[in-house]
Amino acid sequence: MVEVRIRGEYDDAAQKLGEVAFDEAALDRLIPLLSRWGVADEDGATYDADNMVGQFRVSPTGAYFEITLISSDD
């Protein structure tokens, strides 16, 4: 299993979203699933698959898969 976190592009820290199997199929389904359900930040801005980027992050305490929400205002 791999931990999944999510954050806005200007947020310093990501929030834990859950865990998924550590395989290509599970990771490939994350962003389309979130897009289909809908993602909104605390200000009410919404994000679709075109505004989400996934990558592995490594920190001093471990590694995780992070989804970053990219503002469409840029």
PDB file of N, CA and C in Angstrom:
ATOM      1  N   MET A   1       0.840  -1.182   0.000  1.00  0.00           N
ATOM      2  CA  MET A   1       0.000   0.000   0.000  1.00  0.00           C
ATOM      3  C   MET A   1       0.884   1.244   0.000  1.00  0.00           C
ATOM      4  N   VAL A   2       0.355   2.285  -0.623  1.00  0.00           N
ATOM      5  CA  VAL A   2       1.058   3.565  -0.645  1.00  0.00           C
ATOM      6  C   VAL A   2       0.097   4.649  -0.150  1.00  0.00           C
ATOM      7  N   GLU A   3       0.605   5.518   0.697  1.00  0.00           N
ATOM      8  CA  GLU A   3      -0.199   6.624   1.201  1.00  0.00           C
ATOM      9  C   GLU A   3      -0.415   7.642   0.087  1.00  0.00           C
ATOM     10  N   VAL A   4      -1.621   8.182   0.026  1.00  0.00           N
ATOM     11  CA  VAL A   4      -1.960   9.219  -0.951  1.00  0.00           C
ATOM     12  C   VAL A   4      -2.297  10.491  -0.176  1.00  0.00           C
ATOM     13  N   ARG A   5      -1.694  11.594  -0.580  1.00  0.00           N
ATOM     14  CA  ARG A   5      -1.973  12.900   0.017  1.00  0.00           C
ATOM     15  C   ARG A   5      -2.410  13.851  -1.090  1.00  0.00           C
ATOM     16  N   ILE A   6      -3.087  14.921  -0.686  1.00  0.00           N
ATOM     17  CA  ILE A   6      -3.571  15.905  -1.650  1.00  0.00           C
ATOM     18  C   ILE A   6      -3.334  17.313  -1.093  1.00  0.00           C
ATOM     19  N   ARG A   7      -2.998  18.245  -1.995  1.00  0.00           N
ATOM     20  CA  ARG A   7      -2.773  19.633  -1.559  1.00  0.00           C
ATOM     21  C   ARG A   7      -3.020  20.576  -2.726  1.00  0.00           C
ATOM     22  N   GLY A   8      -3.308  21.826  -2.392  1.00  0.00           N
ATOM     23  CA  GLY A   8      -3.364  22.884  -3.380  1.00  0.00           C
ATOM     24  C   GLY A   8      -1.952  23.279  -3.761  1.00  0.00           C
ATOM     25  N   GLU A   9      -1.776  23.826  -4.953  1.00  0.00           N
ATOM     26  CA  GLU A   9      -0.427  24.131  -5.430  1.00  0.00           C
ATOM     27  C   GLU A   9       0.324  25.121  -4.546  1.00  0.00           C
ATOM     28  N   TYR A  10      -0.373  25.973  -3.816  1.00  0.00           N
ATOM     29  CA  TYR A  10       0.287  26.956  -2.962  1.00  0.00           C
ATOM     30  C   TYR A  10       0.292  26.559  -1.492  1.00  0.00           C
ATOM     31  N   ASP A  11      -0.241  25.386  -1.176  1.00  0.00           N
ATOM     32  CA  ASP A  11      -0.232  24.902   0.206  1.00  0.00           C
ATOM     33  C   ASP A  11       1.138  24.338   0.545  1.00  0.00           C
ATOM     34  N   ASP A  12       1.556  24.550   1.777  1.00  0.00           N
ATOM     35  CA  ASP A  12       2.853  24.037   2.220  1.00  0.00           C
ATOM     36  C   ASP A  12       2.817  22.546   2.513  1.00  0.00           C
ATOM     37  N   ALA A  13       1.686  22.067   2.995  1.00  0.00           N
ATOM     38  CA  ALA A  13       1.589  20.667   3.400  1.00  0.00           C
ATOM     39  C   ALA A  13       0.395  19.997   2.731  1.00  0.00           C
ATOM     40  N   ALA A  14       0.539  18.719   2.492  1.00  0.00           N
ATOM     41  CA  ALA A  14      -0.539  17.922   1.907  1.00  0.00           C
ATOM     42  C   ALA A  14      -1.300  17.209   3.019  1.00  0.00           C
ATOM     43  N   GLN A  15      -2.568  16.926   2.763  1.00  0.00           N
ATOM     44  CA  GLN A  15      -3.417  16.211   3.712  1.00  0.00           C
ATOM     45  C   GLN A  15      -3.566  14.772   3.258  1.00  0.00           C
ATOM     46  N   LYS A  16      -3.581  13.862   4.214  1.00  0.00           N
ATOM     47  CA  LYS A  16      -3.744  12.450   3.875  1.00  0.00           C
ATOM     48  C   LYS A  16      -5.132  12.218   3.290  1.00  0.00           C
ATOM     49  N   LEU A  17      -5.163  11.539   2.155  1.00  0.00           N
ATOM     50  CA  LEU A  17      -6.408  11.204   1.476  1.00  0.00           C
ATOM     51  C   LEU A  17      -6.787   9.751   1.728  1.00  0.00           C
ATOM     52  N   GLY A  18      -5.794   8.888   1.793  1.00  0.00           N
ATOM     53  CA  GLY A  18      -6.043   7.464   2.008  1.00  0.00           C
ATOM     54  C   GLY A  18      -4.848   6.655   1.568  1.00  0.00           C
ATOM     55  N   GLU A  19      -5.088   5.380   1.303  1.00  0.00           N
ATOM     56  CA  GLU A  19      -4.042   4.487   0.825  1.00  0.00           C
ATOM     57  C   GLU A  19      -4.597   3.653  -0.314  1.00  0.00           C
ATOM     58  N   VAL A  20      -3.753   3.339  -1.269  1.00  0.00           N
ATOM     59  CA  VAL A  20      -4.135   2.482  -2.397  1.00  0.00           C
ATOM     60  C   VAL A  20      -3.040   1.442  -2.592  1.00  0.00           C
ATOM     61  N   ALA A  21      -3.387   0.411  -3.343  1.00  0.00           N
ATOM     62  CA  ALA A  21      -2.395  -0.607  -3.673  1.00  0.00           C
ATOM     63  C   ALA A  21      -1.260   0.032  -4.462  1.00  0.00           C
ATOM     64  N   PHE A  22      -0.062  -0.450  -4.233  1.00  0.00           N
ATOM     65  CA  PHE A  22       1.105   0.084  -4.925  1.00  0.00           C
ATOM     66  C   PHE A  22       1.272  -0.645  -6.254  1.00  0.00           C
ATOM     67  N   ASP A  23       0.405  -0.280  -7.191  1.00  0.00           N
ATOM     68  CA  ASP A  23       0.525  -0.812  -8.545  1.00  0.00           C
ATOM     69  C   ASP A  23       0.031   0.228  -9.538  1.00  0.00           C
ATOM     70  N   GLU A  24       0.449   0.074 -10.759  1.00  0.00           N
ATOM     71  CA  GLU A  24       0.176   1.068 -11.797  1.00  0.00           C
ATOM     72  C   GLU A  24      -1.316   1.313 -11.995  1.00  0.00           C
ATOM     73  N   ALA A  25      -2.104   0.253 -12.016  1.00  0.00           N
ATOM     74  CA  ALA A  25      -3.538   0.403 -12.274  1.00  0.00           C
ATOM     75  C   ALA A  25      -4.212   1.231 -11.180  1.00  0.00           C
ATOM     76  N   ALA A  26      -3.884   0.971  -9.928  1.00  0.00           N
ATOM     77  CA  ALA A  26      -4.502   1.712  -8.823  1.00  0.00           C
ATOM     78  C   ALA A  26      -4.118   3.183  -8.862  1.00  0.00           C
ATOM     79  N   LEU A  27      -2.862   3.464  -9.114  1.00  0.00           N
ATOM     80  CA  LEU A  27      -2.406   4.853  -9.167  1.00  0.00           C
ATOM     81  C   LEU A  27      -2.976   5.581 -10.379  1.00  0.00           C
ATOM     82  N   ASP A  28      -3.084   4.887 -11.501  1.00  0.00           N
ATOM     83  CA  ASP A  28      -3.646   5.498 -12.716  1.00  0.00           C
ATOM     84  C   ASP A  28      -5.118   5.862 -12.562  1.00  0.00           C
ATOM     85  N   ARG A  29      -5.827   5.190 -11.673  1.00  0.00           N
ATOM     86  CA  ARG A  29      -7.265   5.462 -11.484  1.00  0.00           C
ATOM     87  C   ARG A  29      -7.538   6.604 -10.513  1.00  0.00           C
ATOM     88  N   LEU A  30      -6.549   7.032  -9.745  1.00  0.00           N
ATOM     89  CA  LEU A  30      -6.779   8.039  -8.706  1.00  0.00           C
ATOM     90  C   LEU A  30      -7.332   9.359  -9.239  1.00  0.00           C
ATOM     91  N   ILE A  31      -6.639   9.978 -10.166  1.00  0.00           N
ATOM     92  CA  ILE A  31      -7.052  11.298 -10.646  1.00  0.00           C
ATOM     93  C   ILE A  31      -8.391  11.231 -11.388  1.00  0.00           C
ATOM     94  N   PRO A  32      -8.619  10.262 -12.284  1.00  0.00           N
ATOM     95  CA  PRO A  32      -9.944  10.176 -12.911  1.00  0.00           C
ATOM     96  C   PRO A  32     -11.074   9.958 -11.892  1.00  0.00           C
ATOM     97  N   LEU A  33     -10.805   9.172 -10.868  1.00  0.00           N
ATOM     98  CA  LEU A  33     -11.818   8.941  -9.833  1.00  0.00           C
ATOM     99  C   LEU A  33     -12.137  10.231  -9.084  1.00  0.00           C
ATOM    100  N   LEU A  34     -11.116  10.944  -8.664  1.00  0.00           N
ATOM    101  CA  LEU A  34     -11.338  12.212  -7.960  1.00  0.00           C
ATOM    102  C   LEU A  34     -12.054  13.217  -8.858  1.00  0.00           C
ATOM    103  N   SER A  35     -11.685  13.265 -10.114  1.00  0.00           N
ATOM    104  CA  SER A  35     -12.321  14.184 -11.054  1.00  0.00           C
ATOM    105  C   SER A  35     -13.803  13.855 -11.224  1.00  0.00           C
ATOM    106  N   ARG A  36     -14.117  12.573 -11.316  1.00  0.00           N
ATOM    107  CA  ARG A  36     -15.510  12.158 -11.484  1.00  0.00           C
ATOM    108  C   ARG A  36     -16.349  12.497 -10.248  1.00  0.00           C
ATOM    109  N   TRP A  37     -15.789  12.321  -9.074  1.00  0.00           N
ATOM    110  CA  TRP A  37     -16.514  12.629  -7.840  1.00  0.00           C
ATOM    111  C   TRP A  37     -16.564  14.127  -7.565  1.00  0.00           C
ATOM    112  N   GLY A  38     -15.518  14.819  -7.978  1.00  0.00           N
ATOM    113  CA  GLY A  38     -15.423  16.248  -7.733  1.00  0.00           C
ATOM    114  C   GLY A  38     -14.503  16.564  -6.562  1.00  0.00           C
ATOM    115  N   VAL A  39     -13.690  17.578  -6.742  1.00  0.00           N
ATOM    116  CA  VAL A  39     -12.786  18.052  -5.697  1.00  0.00           C
ATOM    117  C   VAL A  39     -12.951  19.560  -5.600  1.00  0.00           C
ATOM    118  N   ALA A  40     -13.159  20.051  -4.388  1.00  0.00           N
ATOM    119  CA  ALA A  40     -13.283  21.489  -4.150  1.00  0.00           C
ATOM    120  C   ALA A  40     -12.401  21.858  -2.966  1.00  0.00           C
ATOM    121  N   ASP A  41     -11.793  23.037  -3.021  1.00  0.00           N
ATOM    122  CA  ASP A  41     -10.979  23.480  -1.892  1.00  0.00           C
ATOM    123  C   ASP A  41     -11.837  24.280  -0.917  1.00  0.00           C
ATOM    124  N   GLU A  42     -11.219  24.779   0.132  1.00  0.00           N
ATOM    125  CA  GLU A  42     -11.972  25.488   1.175  1.00  0.00           C
ATOM    126  C   GLU A  42     -12.584  26.795   0.689  1.00  0.00           C
ATOM    127  N   ASP A  43     -12.083  27.329  -0.426  1.00  0.00           N
ATOM    128  CA  ASP A  43     -12.648  28.547  -1.001  1.00  0.00           C
ATOM    129  C   ASP A  43     -13.764  28.262  -2.005  1.00  0.00           C
ATOM    130  N   GLY A  44     -14.017  26.973  -2.257  1.00  0.00           N
ATOM    131  CA  GLY A  44     -15.078  26.592  -3.186  1.00  0.00           C
ATOM    132  C   GLY A  44     -14.619  26.391  -4.622  1.00  0.00           C
ATOM    133  N   ALA A  45     -13.326  26.588  -4.896  1.00  0.00           N
ATOM    134  CA  ALA A  45     -12.812  26.332  -6.239  1.00  0.00           C
ATOM    135  C   ALA A  45     -12.859  24.835  -6.509  1.00  0.00           C
ATOM    136  N   THR A  46     -13.253  24.456  -7.724  1.00  0.00           N
ATOM    137  CA  THR A  46     -13.341  23.043  -8.075  1.00  0.00           C
ATOM    138  C   THR A  46     -12.227  22.677  -9.055  1.00  0.00           C
ATOM    139  N   TYR A  47     -11.881  21.407  -9.075  1.00  0.00           N
ATOM    140  CA  TYR A  47     -10.772  20.908  -9.880  1.00  0.00           C
ATOM    141  C   TYR A  47     -11.196  19.664 -10.636  1.00  0.00           C
ATOM    142  N   ASP A  48     -10.766  19.568 -11.893  1.00  0.00           N
ATOM    143  CA  ASP A  48     -11.011  18.359 -12.669  1.00  0.00           C
ATOM    144  C   ASP A  48      -9.662  17.731 -13.008  1.00  0.00           C
ATOM    145  N   ALA A  49      -9.684  16.653 -13.786  1.00  0.00           N
ATOM    146  CA  ALA A  49      -8.463  15.912 -14.080  1.00  0.00           C
ATOM    147  C   ALA A  49      -7.392  16.786 -14.732  1.00  0.00           C
ATOM    148  N   ASP A  50      -7.798  17.771 -15.519  1.00  0.00           N
ATOM    149  CA  ASP A  50      -6.824  18.652 -16.168  1.00  0.00           C
ATOM    150  C   ASP A  50      -6.091  19.548 -15.176  1.00  0.00           C
ATOM    151  N   ASN A  51      -6.629  19.670 -13.974  1.00  0.00           N
ATOM    152  CA  ASN A  51      -6.035  20.539 -12.959  1.00  0.00           C
ATOM    153  C   ASN A  51      -5.472  19.751 -11.778  1.00  0.00           C
ATOM    154  N   MET A  52      -5.168  18.453 -12.005  1.00  0.00           N
ATOM    155  CA  MET A  52      -4.571  17.616 -10.967  1.00  0.00           C
ATOM    156  C   MET A  52      -3.321  16.947 -11.523  1.00  0.00           C
ATOM    157  N   VAL A  53      -2.263  16.951 -10.712  1.00  0.00           N
ATOM    158  CA  VAL A  53      -1.001  16.322 -11.090  1.00  0.00           C
ATOM    159  C   VAL A  53      -0.590  15.382  -9.969  1.00  0.00           C
ATOM    160  N   GLY A  54      -0.184  14.180 -10.319  1.00  0.00           N
ATOM    161  CA  GLY A  54       0.273  13.219  -9.325  1.00  0.00           C
ATOM    162  C   GLY A  54       1.761  12.953  -9.458  1.00  0.00           C
ATOM    163  N   GLN A  55       2.413  12.791  -8.304  1.00  0.00           N
ATOM    164  CA  GLN A  55       3.836  12.456  -8.304  1.00  0.00           C
ATOM    165  C   GLN A  55       4.216  11.850  -6.969  1.00  0.00           C
ATOM    166  N   PHE A  56       5.304  11.100  -6.955  1.00  0.00           N
ATOM    167  CA  PHE A  56       5.816  10.575  -5.696  1.00  0.00           C
ATOM    168  C   PHE A  56       6.667  11.641  -5.033  1.00  0.00           C
ATOM    169  N   ARG A  57       6.494  11.769  -3.712  1.00  0.00           N
ATOM    170  CA  ARG A  57       7.280  12.720  -2.931  1.00  0.00           C
ATOM    171  C   ARG A  57       8.065  11.941  -1.888  1.00  0.00           C
ATOM    172  N   VAL A  58       9.278  12.374  -1.637  1.00  0.00           N
ATOM    173  CA  VAL A  58      10.129  11.752  -0.632  1.00  0.00           C
ATOM    174  C   VAL A  58      10.422  12.797   0.430  1.00  0.00           C
ATOM    175  N   SER A  59      10.219  12.421   1.683  1.00  0.00           N
ATOM    176  CA  SER A  59      10.490  13.325   2.797  1.00  0.00           C
ATOM    177  C   SER A  59      11.432  12.613   3.766  1.00  0.00           C
ATOM    178  N   PRO A  60      11.935  13.311   4.763  1.00  0.00           N
ATOM    179  CA  PRO A  60      12.810  12.654   5.740  1.00  0.00           C
ATOM    180  C   PRO A  60      12.127  11.509   6.494  1.00  0.00           C
ATOM    181  N   THR A  61      10.806  11.519   6.535  1.00  0.00           N
ATOM    182  CA  THR A  61      10.086  10.487   7.285  1.00  0.00           C
ATOM    183  C   THR A  61       9.504   9.389   6.412  1.00  0.00           C
ATOM    184  N   GLY A  62       9.635   9.483   5.088  1.00  0.00           N
ATOM    185  CA  GLY A  62       9.106   8.439   4.216  1.00  0.00           C
ATOM    186  C   GLY A  62       8.761   8.972   2.842  1.00  0.00           C
ATOM    187  N   ALA A  63       7.984   8.178   2.111  1.00  0.00           N
ATOM    188  CA  ALA A  63       7.576   8.562   0.763  1.00  0.00           C
ATOM    189  C   ALA A  63       6.079   8.346   0.621  1.00  0.00           C
ATOM    190  N   TYR A  64       5.459   9.094  -0.294  1.00  0.00           N
ATOM    191  CA  TYR A  64       4.028   9.001  -0.523  1.00  0.00           C
ATOM    192  C   TYR A  64       3.721   9.495  -1.925  1.00  0.00           C
ATOM    193  N   PHE A  65       2.511   9.220  -2.386  1.00  0.00           N
ATOM    194  CA  PHE A  65       2.043   9.714  -3.675  1.00  0.00           C
ATOM    195  C   PHE A  65       1.210  10.957  -3.400  1.00  0.00           C
ATOM    196  N   GLU A  66       1.550  12.065  -4.043  1.00  0.00           N
ATOM    197  CA  GLU A  66       0.877  13.336  -3.785  1.00  0.00           C
ATOM    198  C   GLU A  66       0.136  13.817  -5.028  1.00  0.00           C
ATOM    199  N   ILE A  67      -1.100  14.218  -4.835  1.00  0.00           N
ATOM    200  CA  ILE A  67      -1.882  14.843  -5.891  1.00  0.00           C
ATOM    201  C   ILE A  67      -1.918  16.336  -5.597  1.00  0.00           C
ATOM    202  N   THR A  68      -1.487  17.124  -6.558  1.00  0.00           N
ATOM    203  CA  THR A  68      -1.472  18.576  -6.416  1.00  0.00           C
ATOM    204  C   THR A  68      -2.582  19.168  -7.275  1.00  0.00           C
ATOM    205  N   LEU A  69      -3.367  20.058  -6.678  1.00  0.00           N
ATOM    206  CA  LEU A  69      -4.446  20.748  -7.372  1.00  0.00           C
ATOM    207  C   LEU A  69      -3.892  22.046  -7.945  1.00  0.00           C
ATOM    208  N   ILE A  70      -3.952  22.184  -9.257  1.00  0.00           N
ATOM    209  CA  ILE A  70      -3.380  23.340  -9.946  1.00  0.00           C
ATOM    210  C   ILE A  70      -4.511  24.317 -10.287  1.00  0.00           C
ATOM    211  N   SER A  71      -4.345  25.550  -9.887  1.00  0.00           N
ATOM    212  CA  SER A  71      -5.337  26.581 -10.153  1.00  0.00           C
ATOM    213  C   SER A  71      -5.432  26.851 -11.643  1.00  0.00           C
ATOM    214  N   SER A  72      -6.639  26.991 -12.147  1.00  0.00           N
ATOM    215  CA  SER A  72      -6.815  27.288 -13.571  1.00  0.00           C
ATOM    216  C   SER A  72      -6.648  28.774 -13.850  1.00  0.00           C
ATOM    217  N   ASP A  73      -6.417  29.586 -12.817  1.00  0.00           N
ATOM    218  CA  ASP A  73      -6.229  31.030 -12.976  1.00  0.00           C
ATOM    219  C   ASP A  73      -4.867  31.390 -13.529  1.00  0.00           C
ATOM    220  N   ASP A  74      -3.921  30.469 -13.473  1.00  0.00           N
ATOM    221  CA  ASP A  74      -2.537  30.767 -13.903  1.00  0.00           C
ATOM    222  C   ASP A  74      -2.412  30.832 -15.412  1.00  0.00           C
TER     223      ASP A  74
END
